[in-house]
PDB file of all heavy atoms in Angstrom:
ATOM      1  N   LEU A   1       0.805  -1.123  -0.048  1.00  0.00           N
ATOM      2  CA  LEU A   1       0.009   0.035   0.015  1.00  0.00           C
ATOM      3  C   LEU A   1       0.850   1.287   0.034  1.00  0.00           C
ATOM      4  O   LEU A   1       0.534   2.245  -0.755  1.00  0.00           O
ATOM      5  CB  LEU A   1      -0.946  -0.037   1.239  1.00  0.00           C
ATOM      6  CG  LEU A   1      -1.861   1.277   1.396  1.00  0.00           C
ATOM      7  CD1 LEU A   1      -2.735   1.374   0.216  1.00  0.00           C
ATOM      8  CD2 LEU A   1      -2.689   1.190   2.659  1.00  0.00           C
ATOM      9  N   ASN A   2       1.920   1.244   0.785  1.00  0.00           N
ATOM     10  CA  ASN A   2       2.824   2.428   0.763  1.00  0.00           C
ATOM     11  C   ASN A   2       3.434   2.764  -0.563  1.00  0.00           C
ATOM     12  O   ASN A   2       3.525   3.883  -0.955  1.00  0.00           O
ATOM     13  CB  ASN A   2       3.941   2.217   1.775  1.00  0.00           C
ATOM     14  CG  ASN A   2       3.470   2.320   3.260  1.00  0.00           C
ATOM     15  OD1 ASN A   2       2.407   2.933   3.491  1.00  0.00           O
ATOM     16  ND2 ASN A   2       4.158   1.816   4.205  1.00  0.00           N
ATOM     17  N   GLN A   3       3.794   1.671  -1.205  1.00  0.00           N
ATOM     18  CA  GLN A   3       4.398   1.835  -2.575  1.00  0.00           C
ATOM     19  C   GLN A   3       3.318   2.382  -3.539  1.00  0.00           C
ATOM     20  O   GLN A   3       3.595   3.259  -4.379  1.00  0.00           O
ATOM     21  CB  GLN A   3       4.942   0.546  -3.076  1.00  0.00           C
ATOM     22  CG  GLN A   3       6.260   0.122  -2.436  1.00  0.00           C
ATOM     23  CD  GLN A   3       6.660  -1.352  -2.812  1.00  0.00           C
ATOM     24  OE1 GLN A   3       5.824  -2.228  -2.935  1.00  0.00           O
ATOM     25  NE2 GLN A   3       7.932  -1.496  -2.983  1.00  0.00           N
ATOM     26  N   SER A   4       2.169   1.880  -3.458  1.00  0.00           N
ATOM     27  CA  SER A   4       1.066   2.314  -4.363  1.00  0.00           C
ATOM     28  C   SER A   4       0.752   3.811  -4.034  1.00  0.00           C
ATOM     29  O   SER A   4       0.592   4.568  -5.040  1.00  0.00           O
ATOM     30  CB  SER A   4      -0.225   1.535  -4.040  1.00  0.00           C
ATOM     31  OG  SER A   4      -0.055   0.100  -4.331  1.00  0.00           O
ATOM     32  N   MET A   5       0.716   4.178  -2.796  1.00  0.00           N
ATOM     33  CA  MET A   5       0.405   5.620  -2.522  1.00  0.00           C
ATOM     34  C   MET A   5       1.518   6.506  -2.979  1.00  0.00           C
ATOM     35  O   MET A   5       1.196   7.608  -3.488  1.00  0.00           O
ATOM     36  CB  MET A   5       0.108   5.752  -0.965  1.00  0.00           C
ATOM     37  CG  MET A   5      -1.163   5.031  -0.433  1.00  0.00           C
ATOM     38  SD  MET A   5      -2.604   5.732  -1.158  1.00  0.00           S
ATOM     39  CE  MET A   5      -2.911   4.457  -2.469  1.00  0.00           C
ATOM     40  N   GLN A   6       2.721   6.048  -2.887  1.00  0.00           N
ATOM     41  CA  GLN A   6       3.831   6.949  -3.303  1.00  0.00           C
ATOM     42  C   GLN A   6       3.827   7.039  -4.706  1.00  0.00           C
ATOM     43  O   GLN A   6       4.061   8.185  -5.309  1.00  0.00           O
ATOM     44  CB  GLN A   6       5.166   6.286  -2.794  1.00  0.00           C
ATOM     45  CG  GLN A   6       6.391   7.296  -3.094  1.00  0.00           C
ATOM     46  CD  GLN A   6       6.259   8.588  -2.361  1.00  0.00           C
ATOM     47  OE1 GLN A   6       5.938   8.735  -1.180  1.00  0.00           O
ATOM     48  NE2 GLN A   6       6.315   9.663  -3.185  1.00  0.00           N
ATOM     49  N   GLN A   7       3.538   6.009  -5.520  1.00  0.00           N
ATOM     50  CA  GLN A   7       3.401   6.096  -6.946  1.00  0.00           C
ATOM     51  C   GLN A   7       2.343   7.024  -7.328  1.00  0.00           C
ATOM     52  O   GLN A   7       2.472   7.852  -8.218  1.00  0.00           O
ATOM     53  CB  GLN A   7       3.051   4.779  -7.552  1.00  0.00           C
ATOM     54  CG  GLN A   7       4.401   3.854  -7.792  1.00  0.00           C
ATOM     55  CD  GLN A   7       4.073   2.745  -8.791  1.00  0.00           C
ATOM     56  OE1 GLN A   7       3.084   2.847  -9.563  1.00  0.00           O
ATOM     57  NE2 GLN A   7       4.870   1.739  -8.752  1.00  0.00           N
ATOM     58  N   LEU A   8       1.151   6.967  -6.623  1.00  0.00           N
ATOM     59  CA  LEU A   8       0.069   7.835  -6.934  1.00  0.00           C
ATOM     60  C   LEU A   8       0.455   9.273  -6.678  1.00  0.00           C
ATOM     61  O   LEU A   8       0.095  10.134  -7.512  1.00  0.00           O
ATOM     62  CB  LEU A   8      -1.148   7.393  -6.080  1.00  0.00           C
ATOM     63  CG  LEU A   8      -2.379   8.214  -6.333  1.00  0.00           C
ATOM     64  CD1 LEU A   8      -2.965   8.091  -7.723  1.00  0.00           C
ATOM     65  CD2 LEU A   8      -3.467   7.658  -5.304  1.00  0.00           C
ATOM     66  N   LYS A   9       1.036   9.609  -5.531  1.00  0.00           N
ATOM     67  CA  LYS A   9       1.422  11.010  -5.177  1.00  0.00           C
ATOM     68  C   LYS A   9       2.437  11.514  -6.304  1.00  0.00           C
ATOM     69  O   LYS A   9       2.189  12.654  -6.752  1.00  0.00           O
ATOM     70  CB  LYS A   9       2.185  10.942  -3.788  1.00  0.00           C
ATOM     71  CG  LYS A   9       1.293  10.833  -2.584  1.00  0.00           C
ATOM     72  CD  LYS A   9       2.206  10.930  -1.404  1.00  0.00           C
ATOM     73  CE  LYS A   9       1.225  10.679  -0.182  1.00  0.00           C
ATOM     74  NZ  LYS A   9       1.991  10.708   1.166  1.00  0.00           N
ATOM     75  N   ASP A  10       3.370  10.700  -6.710  1.00  0.00           N
ATOM     76  CA  ASP A  10       4.352  11.149  -7.633  1.00  0.00           C
ATOM     77  C   ASP A  10       3.695  11.426  -9.021  1.00  0.00           C
ATOM     78  O   ASP A  10       3.972  12.454  -9.696  1.00  0.00           O
ATOM     79  CB  ASP A  10       5.451  10.135  -7.929  1.00  0.00           C
ATOM     80  CG  ASP A  10       6.314   9.915  -6.663  1.00  0.00           C
ATOM     81  OD1 ASP A  10       6.328  10.790  -5.855  1.00  0.00           O
ATOM     82  OD2 ASP A  10       7.035   8.873  -6.613  1.00  0.00           O
ATOM     83  N   ARG A  11       2.807  10.619  -9.438  1.00  0.00           N
ATOM     84  CA  ARG A  11       1.982  10.782 -10.601  1.00  0.00           C
ATOM     85  C   ARG A  11       1.093  11.990 -10.613  1.00  0.00           C
ATOM     86  O   ARG A  11       1.039  12.722 -11.574  1.00  0.00           O
ATOM     87  CB  ARG A  11       1.174   9.491 -10.858  1.00  0.00           C
ATOM     88  CG  ARG A  11       0.432   9.507 -12.265  1.00  0.00           C
ATOM     89  CD  ARG A  11       1.337   9.489 -13.461  1.00  0.00           C
ATOM     90  NE  ARG A  11       0.601   9.465 -14.644  1.00  0.00           N
ATOM     91  CZ  ARG A  11       1.218   9.455 -15.885  1.00  0.00           C
ATOM     92  NH1 ARG A  11       2.582   9.433 -16.008  1.00  0.00           N
ATOM     93  NH2 ARG A  11       0.494   9.435 -17.009  1.00  0.00           N
ATOM     94  N   LEU A  12       0.405  12.225  -9.519  1.00  0.00           N
ATOM     95  CA  LEU A  12      -0.583  13.380  -9.418  1.00  0.00           C
ATOM     96  C   LEU A  12       0.157  14.702  -9.541  1.00  0.00           C
ATOM     97  O   LEU A  12      -0.507  15.663  -9.910  1.00  0.00           O
ATOM     98  CB  LEU A  12      -1.363  13.231  -8.120  1.00  0.00           C
ATOM     99  CG  LEU A  12      -2.424  12.078  -8.096  1.00  0.00           C
ATOM    100  CD1 LEU A  12      -3.027  11.927  -6.822  1.00  0.00           C
ATOM    101  CD2 LEU A  12      -3.438  12.235  -9.225  1.00  0.00           C
ATOM    102  N   LYS A  13       1.388  14.765  -9.106  1.00  0.00           N
ATOM    103  CA  LYS A  13       2.099  15.976  -9.200  1.00  0.00           C
ATOM    104  C   LYS A  13       2.257  16.430 -10.589  1.00  0.00           C
ATOM    105  O   LYS A  13       2.344  17.663 -10.768  1.00  0.00           O
ATOM    106  CB  LYS A  13       3.509  15.833  -8.542  1.00  0.00           C
ATOM    107  CG  LYS A  13       3.546  15.693  -7.000  1.00  0.00           C
ATOM    108  CD  LYS A  13       5.031  15.417  -6.430  1.00  0.00           C
ATOM    109  CE  LYS A  13       5.047  15.168  -5.052  1.00  0.00           C
ATOM    110  NZ  LYS A  13       6.420  14.828  -4.654  1.00  0.00           N
ATOM    111  N   ALA A  14       2.246  15.577 -11.520  1.00  0.00           N
ATOM    112  CA  ALA A  14       2.465  15.900 -12.915  1.00  0.00           C
ATOM    113  C   ALA A  14       1.203  16.217 -13.742  1.00  0.00           C
ATOM    114  O   ALA A  14       1.225  16.426 -14.915  1.00  0.00           O
ATOM    115  CB  ALA A  14       3.265  14.739 -13.613  1.00  0.00           C
ATOM    116  N   SER A  15       0.037  16.123 -13.031  1.00  0.00           N
ATOM    117  CA  SER A  15      -1.234  16.320 -13.741  1.00  0.00           C
ATOM    118  C   SER A  15      -2.171  17.113 -12.936  1.00  0.00           C
ATOM    119  O   SER A  15      -2.416  16.901 -11.751  1.00  0.00           O
ATOM    120  CB  SER A  15      -1.773  14.849 -14.129  1.00  0.00           C
ATOM    121  OG  SER A  15      -3.009  15.015 -14.759  1.00  0.00           O
ATOM    122  N   ASP A  16      -2.975  17.983 -13.655  1.00  0.00           N
ATOM    123  CA  ASP A  16      -4.108  18.680 -13.009  1.00  0.00           C
ATOM    124  C   ASP A  16      -5.400  17.880 -13.170  1.00  0.00           C
ATOM    125  O   ASP A  16      -6.470  18.264 -12.678  1.00  0.00           O
ATOM    126  CB  ASP A  16      -4.289  20.029 -13.583  1.00  0.00           C
ATOM    127  CG  ASP A  16      -3.080  21.044 -13.212  1.00  0.00           C
ATOM    128  OD1 ASP A  16      -2.514  20.793 -12.134  1.00  0.00           O
ATOM    129  OD2 ASP A  16      -2.632  21.845 -14.092  1.00  0.00           O
ATOM    130  N   ARG A  17      -5.410  16.913 -13.883  1.00  0.00           N
ATOM    131  CA  ARG A  17      -6.525  16.116 -14.279  1.00  0.00           C
ATOM    132  C   ARG A  17      -6.873  15.214 -13.095  1.00  0.00           C
ATOM    133  O   ARG A  17      -6.048  14.610 -12.474  1.00  0.00           O
ATOM    134  CB  ARG A  17      -6.261  15.238 -15.485  1.00  0.00           C
ATOM    135  CG  ARG A  17      -7.449  15.060 -16.468  1.00  0.00           C
ATOM    136  CD  ARG A  17      -7.227  14.301 -17.661  1.00  0.00           C
ATOM    137  NE  ARG A  17      -8.365  14.248 -18.425  1.00  0.00           N
ATOM    138  CZ  ARG A  17      -8.709  13.170 -19.199  1.00  0.00           C
ATOM    139  NH1 ARG A  17      -8.038  12.116 -19.242  1.00  0.00           N
ATOM    140  NH2 ARG A  17      -9.791  13.307 -19.924  1.00  0.00           N
ATOM    141  N   MET A  18      -8.215  15.060 -12.788  1.00  0.00           N
ATOM    142  CA  MET A  18      -8.679  14.213 -11.714  1.00  0.00           C
ATOM    143  C   MET A  18      -8.372  12.784 -12.129  1.00  0.00           C
ATOM    144  O   MET A  18      -8.654  12.381 -13.334  1.00  0.00           O
ATOM    145  CB  MET A  18     -10.091  14.349 -11.342  1.00  0.00           C
ATOM    146  CG  MET A  18     -10.420  15.792 -10.701  1.00  0.00           C
ATOM    147  SD  MET A  18      -9.609  15.912  -9.119  1.00  0.00           S
ATOM    148  CE  MET A  18     -10.337  14.550  -8.175  1.00  0.00           C
ATOM    149  N   PRO A  19      -8.005  11.955 -11.259  1.00  0.00           N
ATOM    150  CA  PRO A  19      -7.889  10.526 -11.442  1.00  0.00           C
ATOM    151  C   PRO A  19      -9.220   9.881 -11.628  1.00  0.00           C
ATOM    152  O   PRO A  19     -10.314  10.547 -11.292  1.00  0.00           O
ATOM    153  CB  PRO A  19      -7.113   9.926 -10.295  1.00  0.00           C
ATOM    154  CG  PRO A  19      -7.406  10.887  -9.171  1.00  0.00           C
ATOM    155  CD  PRO A  19      -7.584  12.275  -9.838  1.00  0.00           C
ATOM    156  N   VAL A  20      -9.262   8.594 -12.122  1.00  0.00           N
ATOM    157  CA  VAL A  20     -10.566   7.820 -11.956  1.00  0.00           C
ATOM    158  C   VAL A  20     -10.168   6.646 -11.031  1.00  0.00           C
ATOM    159  O   VAL A  20      -9.073   6.028 -11.128  1.00  0.00           O
ATOM    160  CB  VAL A  20     -11.038   7.384 -13.268  1.00  0.00           C
ATOM    161  CG1 VAL A  20     -11.671   8.557 -14.024  1.00  0.00           C
ATOM    162  CG2 VAL A  20     -10.034   6.743 -14.155  1.00  0.00           C
ATOM    163  N   VAL A  21     -11.167   6.223 -10.263  1.00  0.00           N
ATOM    164  CA  VAL A  21     -10.863   5.252  -9.247  1.00  0.00           C
ATOM    165  C   VAL A  21     -11.962   4.064  -9.269  1.00  0.00           C
ATOM    166  O   VAL A  21     -13.110   4.430  -9.322  1.00  0.00           O
ATOM    167  CB  VAL A  21     -10.856   5.887  -7.811  1.00  0.00           C
ATOM    168  CG1 VAL A  21     -10.673   4.860  -6.732  1.00  0.00           C
ATOM    169  CG2 VAL A  21      -9.841   6.937  -7.813  1.00  0.00           C
ATOM    170  N   PHE A  22     -11.489   2.882  -9.031  1.00  0.00           N
ATOM    171  CA  PHE A  22     -12.415   1.767  -8.754  1.00  0.00           C
ATOM    172  C   PHE A  22     -12.019   1.132  -7.515  1.00  0.00           C
ATOM    173  O   PHE A  22     -10.789   0.835  -7.299  1.00  0.00           O
ATOM    174  CB  PHE A  22     -12.387   0.684  -9.969  1.00  0.00           C
ATOM    175  CG  PHE A  22     -13.251  -0.527  -9.621  1.00  0.00           C
ATOM    176  CD1 PHE A  22     -14.581  -0.534  -9.836  1.00  0.00           C
ATOM    177  CD2 PHE A  22     -12.679  -1.656  -8.987  1.00  0.00           C
ATOM    178  CE1 PHE A  22     -15.366  -1.667  -9.588  1.00  0.00           C
ATOM    179  CE2 PHE A  22     -13.390  -2.792  -8.712  1.00  0.00           C
ATOM    180  CZ  PHE A  22     -14.850  -2.757  -8.983  1.00  0.00           C
ATOM    181  N   LEU A  23     -13.005   0.880  -6.590  1.00  0.00           N
ATOM    182  CA  LEU A  23     -12.633   0.382  -5.320  1.00  0.00           C
ATOM    183  C   LEU A  23     -13.567  -0.958  -5.150  1.00  0.00           C
ATOM    184  O   LEU A  23     -14.765  -0.910  -5.373  1.00  0.00           O
ATOM    185  CB  LEU A  23     -13.012   1.306  -4.159  1.00  0.00           C
ATOM    186  CG  LEU A  23     -12.194   2.598  -4.035  1.00  0.00           C
ATOM    187  CD1 LEU A  23     -12.678   3.381  -2.878  1.00  0.00           C
ATOM    188  CD2 LEU A  23     -10.765   2.225  -3.947  1.00  0.00           C
ATOM    189  N   GLY A  24     -12.839  -1.994  -4.845  1.00  0.00           N
ATOM    190  CA  GLY A  24     -13.550  -3.209  -4.470  1.00  0.00           C
ATOM    191  C   GLY A  24     -14.147  -2.994  -2.981  1.00  0.00           C
ATOM    192  O   GLY A  24     -13.339  -3.005  -2.052  1.00  0.00           O
ATOM    193  N   HIS A  25     -15.420  -2.853  -2.879  1.00  0.00           N
ATOM    194  CA  HIS A  25     -15.947  -2.480  -1.606  1.00  0.00           C
ATOM    195  C   HIS A  25     -16.260  -3.621  -0.642  1.00  0.00           C
ATOM    196  O   HIS A  25     -16.318  -3.441   0.638  1.00  0.00           O
ATOM    197  CB  HIS A  25     -17.193  -1.632  -1.711  1.00  0.00           C
ATOM    198  CG  HIS A  25     -18.402  -2.256  -2.265  1.00  0.00           C
ATOM    199  ND1 HIS A  25     -18.828  -1.840  -3.459  1.00  0.00           N
ATOM    200  CD2 HIS A  25     -19.236  -3.263  -1.850  1.00  0.00           C
ATOM    201  CE1 HIS A  25     -19.940  -2.565  -3.686  1.00  0.00           C
ATOM    202  NE2 HIS A  25     -20.213  -3.392  -2.672  1.00  0.00           N
ATOM    203  N   GLY A  26     -16.488  -4.905  -1.160  1.00  0.00           N
ATOM    204  CA  GLY A  26     -16.711  -6.002  -0.276  1.00  0.00           C
ATOM    205  C   GLY A  26     -17.856  -5.859   0.778  1.00  0.00           C
ATOM    206  O   GLY A  26     -18.830  -5.249   0.406  1.00  0.00           O
ATOM    207  N   SER A  27     -17.636  -6.339   1.916  1.00  0.00           N
ATOM    208  CA  SER A  27     -18.685  -6.335   2.902  1.00  0.00           C
ATOM    209  C   SER A  27     -19.096  -4.972   3.417  1.00  0.00           C
ATOM    210  O   SER A  27     -18.179  -4.064   3.485  1.00  0.00           O
ATOM    211  CB  SER A  27     -18.239  -7.109   4.169  1.00  0.00           C
ATOM    212  OG  SER A  27     -19.152  -6.949   5.202  1.00  0.00           O
ATOM    213  N   PRO A  28     -20.412  -4.643   3.656  1.00  0.00           N
ATOM    214  CA  PRO A  28     -20.732  -3.353   4.196  1.00  0.00           C
ATOM    215  C   PRO A  28     -20.104  -3.115   5.525  1.00  0.00           C
ATOM    216  O   PRO A  28     -19.895  -1.955   5.886  1.00  0.00           O
ATOM    217  CB  PRO A  28     -22.268  -3.573   4.491  1.00  0.00           C
ATOM    218  CG  PRO A  28     -22.711  -4.560   3.493  1.00  0.00           C
ATOM    219  CD  PRO A  28     -21.535  -5.536   3.343  1.00  0.00           C
ATOM    220  N   MET A  29     -19.633  -4.069   6.223  1.00  0.00           N
ATOM    221  CA  MET A  29     -18.955  -3.960   7.618  1.00  0.00           C
ATOM    222  C   MET A  29     -17.668  -3.177   7.415  1.00  0.00           C
ATOM    223  O   MET A  29     -17.227  -2.625   8.376  1.00  0.00           O
ATOM    224  CB  MET A  29     -18.689  -5.261   8.269  1.00  0.00           C
ATOM    225  CG  MET A  29     -19.949  -6.020   8.717  1.00  0.00           C
ATOM    226  SD  MET A  29     -20.820  -5.056   9.996  1.00  0.00           S
ATOM    227  CE  MET A  29     -19.585  -5.184  11.365  1.00  0.00           C
ATOM    228  N   ASN A  30     -17.090  -3.146   6.199  1.00  0.00           N
ATOM    229  CA  ASN A  30     -15.935  -2.332   6.010  1.00  0.00           C
ATOM    230  C   ASN A  30     -16.129  -0.862   6.195  1.00  0.00           C
ATOM    231  O   ASN A  30     -15.132  -0.188   6.472  1.00  0.00           O
ATOM    232  CB  ASN A  30     -15.307  -2.563   4.627  1.00  0.00           C
ATOM    233  CG  ASN A  30     -14.811  -3.930   4.364  1.00  0.00           C
ATOM    234  OD1 ASN A  30     -14.282  -4.539   5.230  1.00  0.00           O
ATOM    235  ND2 ASN A  30     -15.016  -4.501   3.093  1.00  0.00           N
ATOM    236  N   ALA A  31     -17.399  -0.471   6.260  1.00  0.00           N
ATOM    237  CA  ALA A  31     -17.663   0.983   6.632  1.00  0.00           C
ATOM    238  C   ALA A  31     -17.448   1.344   8.010  1.00  0.00           C
ATOM    239  O   ALA A  31     -17.151   2.535   8.320  1.00  0.00           O
ATOM    240  CB  ALA A  31     -19.139   1.222   6.205  1.00  0.00           C
ATOM    241  N   ILE A  32     -17.519   0.335   8.871  1.00  0.00           N
ATOM    242  CA  ILE A  32     -17.285   0.679  10.352  1.00  0.00           C
ATOM    243  C   ILE A  32     -16.152  -0.063  11.019  1.00  0.00           C
ATOM    244  O   ILE A  32     -15.809   0.194  12.143  1.00  0.00           O
ATOM    245  CB  ILE A  32     -18.549   0.378  11.124  1.00  0.00           C
ATOM    246  CG1 ILE A  32     -18.972  -1.084  11.011  1.00  0.00           C
ATOM    247  CG2 ILE A  32     -19.728   1.317  10.654  1.00  0.00           C
ATOM    248  CD1 ILE A  32     -20.224  -1.465  11.891  1.00  0.00           C
ATOM    249  N   GLU A  33     -15.453  -0.993  10.207  1.00  0.00           N
ATOM    250  CA  GLU A  33     -14.341  -1.733  10.822  1.00  0.00           C
ATOM    251  C   GLU A  33     -13.062  -1.088  10.508  1.00  0.00           C
ATOM    252  O   GLU A  33     -12.817  -0.629   9.358  1.00  0.00           O
ATOM    253  CB  GLU A  33     -14.425  -3.205  10.359  1.00  0.00           C
ATOM    254  CG  GLU A  33     -15.543  -3.991  10.859  1.00  0.00           C
ATOM    255  CD  GLU A  33     -15.552  -5.413  10.411  1.00  0.00           C
ATOM    256  OE1 GLU A  33     -14.810  -5.661   9.409  1.00  0.00           O
ATOM    257  OE2 GLU A  33     -16.232  -6.294  11.038  1.00  0.00           O
ATOM    258  N   ASP A  34     -12.126  -1.152  11.434  1.00  0.00           N
ATOM    259  CA  ASP A  34     -10.737  -0.724  11.229  1.00  0.00           C
ATOM    260  C   ASP A  34      -9.952  -1.941  10.716  1.00  0.00           C
ATOM    261  O   ASP A  34      -9.600  -2.841  11.479  1.00  0.00           O
ATOM    262  CB  ASP A  34     -10.109  -0.114  12.529  1.00  0.00           C
ATOM    263  CG  ASP A  34      -8.655   0.221  12.331  1.00  0.00           C
ATOM    264  OD1 ASP A  34      -8.181   0.345  11.132  1.00  0.00           O
ATOM    265  OD2 ASP A  34      -7.952   0.404  13.316  1.00  0.00           O
ATOM    266  N   ASN A  35      -9.855  -1.987   9.348  1.00  0.00           N
ATOM    267  CA  ASN A  35      -9.048  -3.201   8.746  1.00  0.00           C
ATOM    268  C   ASN A  35      -8.214  -2.715   7.640  1.00  0.00           C
ATOM    269  O   ASN A  35      -8.190  -1.465   7.344  1.00  0.00           O
ATOM    270  CB  ASN A  35     -10.118  -4.239   8.373  1.00  0.00           C
ATOM    271  CG  ASN A  35     -11.095  -3.722   7.339  1.00  0.00           C
ATOM    272  OD1 ASN A  35     -10.821  -2.883   6.440  1.00  0.00           O
ATOM    273  ND2 ASN A  35     -12.336  -4.246   7.412  1.00  0.00           N
TER     274      ASN A  35
END
């Protein structure tokens, strides 16, 4: 995750365009669980 976030930060510095994101949301419990 740290590597992914660093790549994302580095990439976003070079663009004013908003990214597009897909999230695998899984169980509704992920909304309230620290995991």
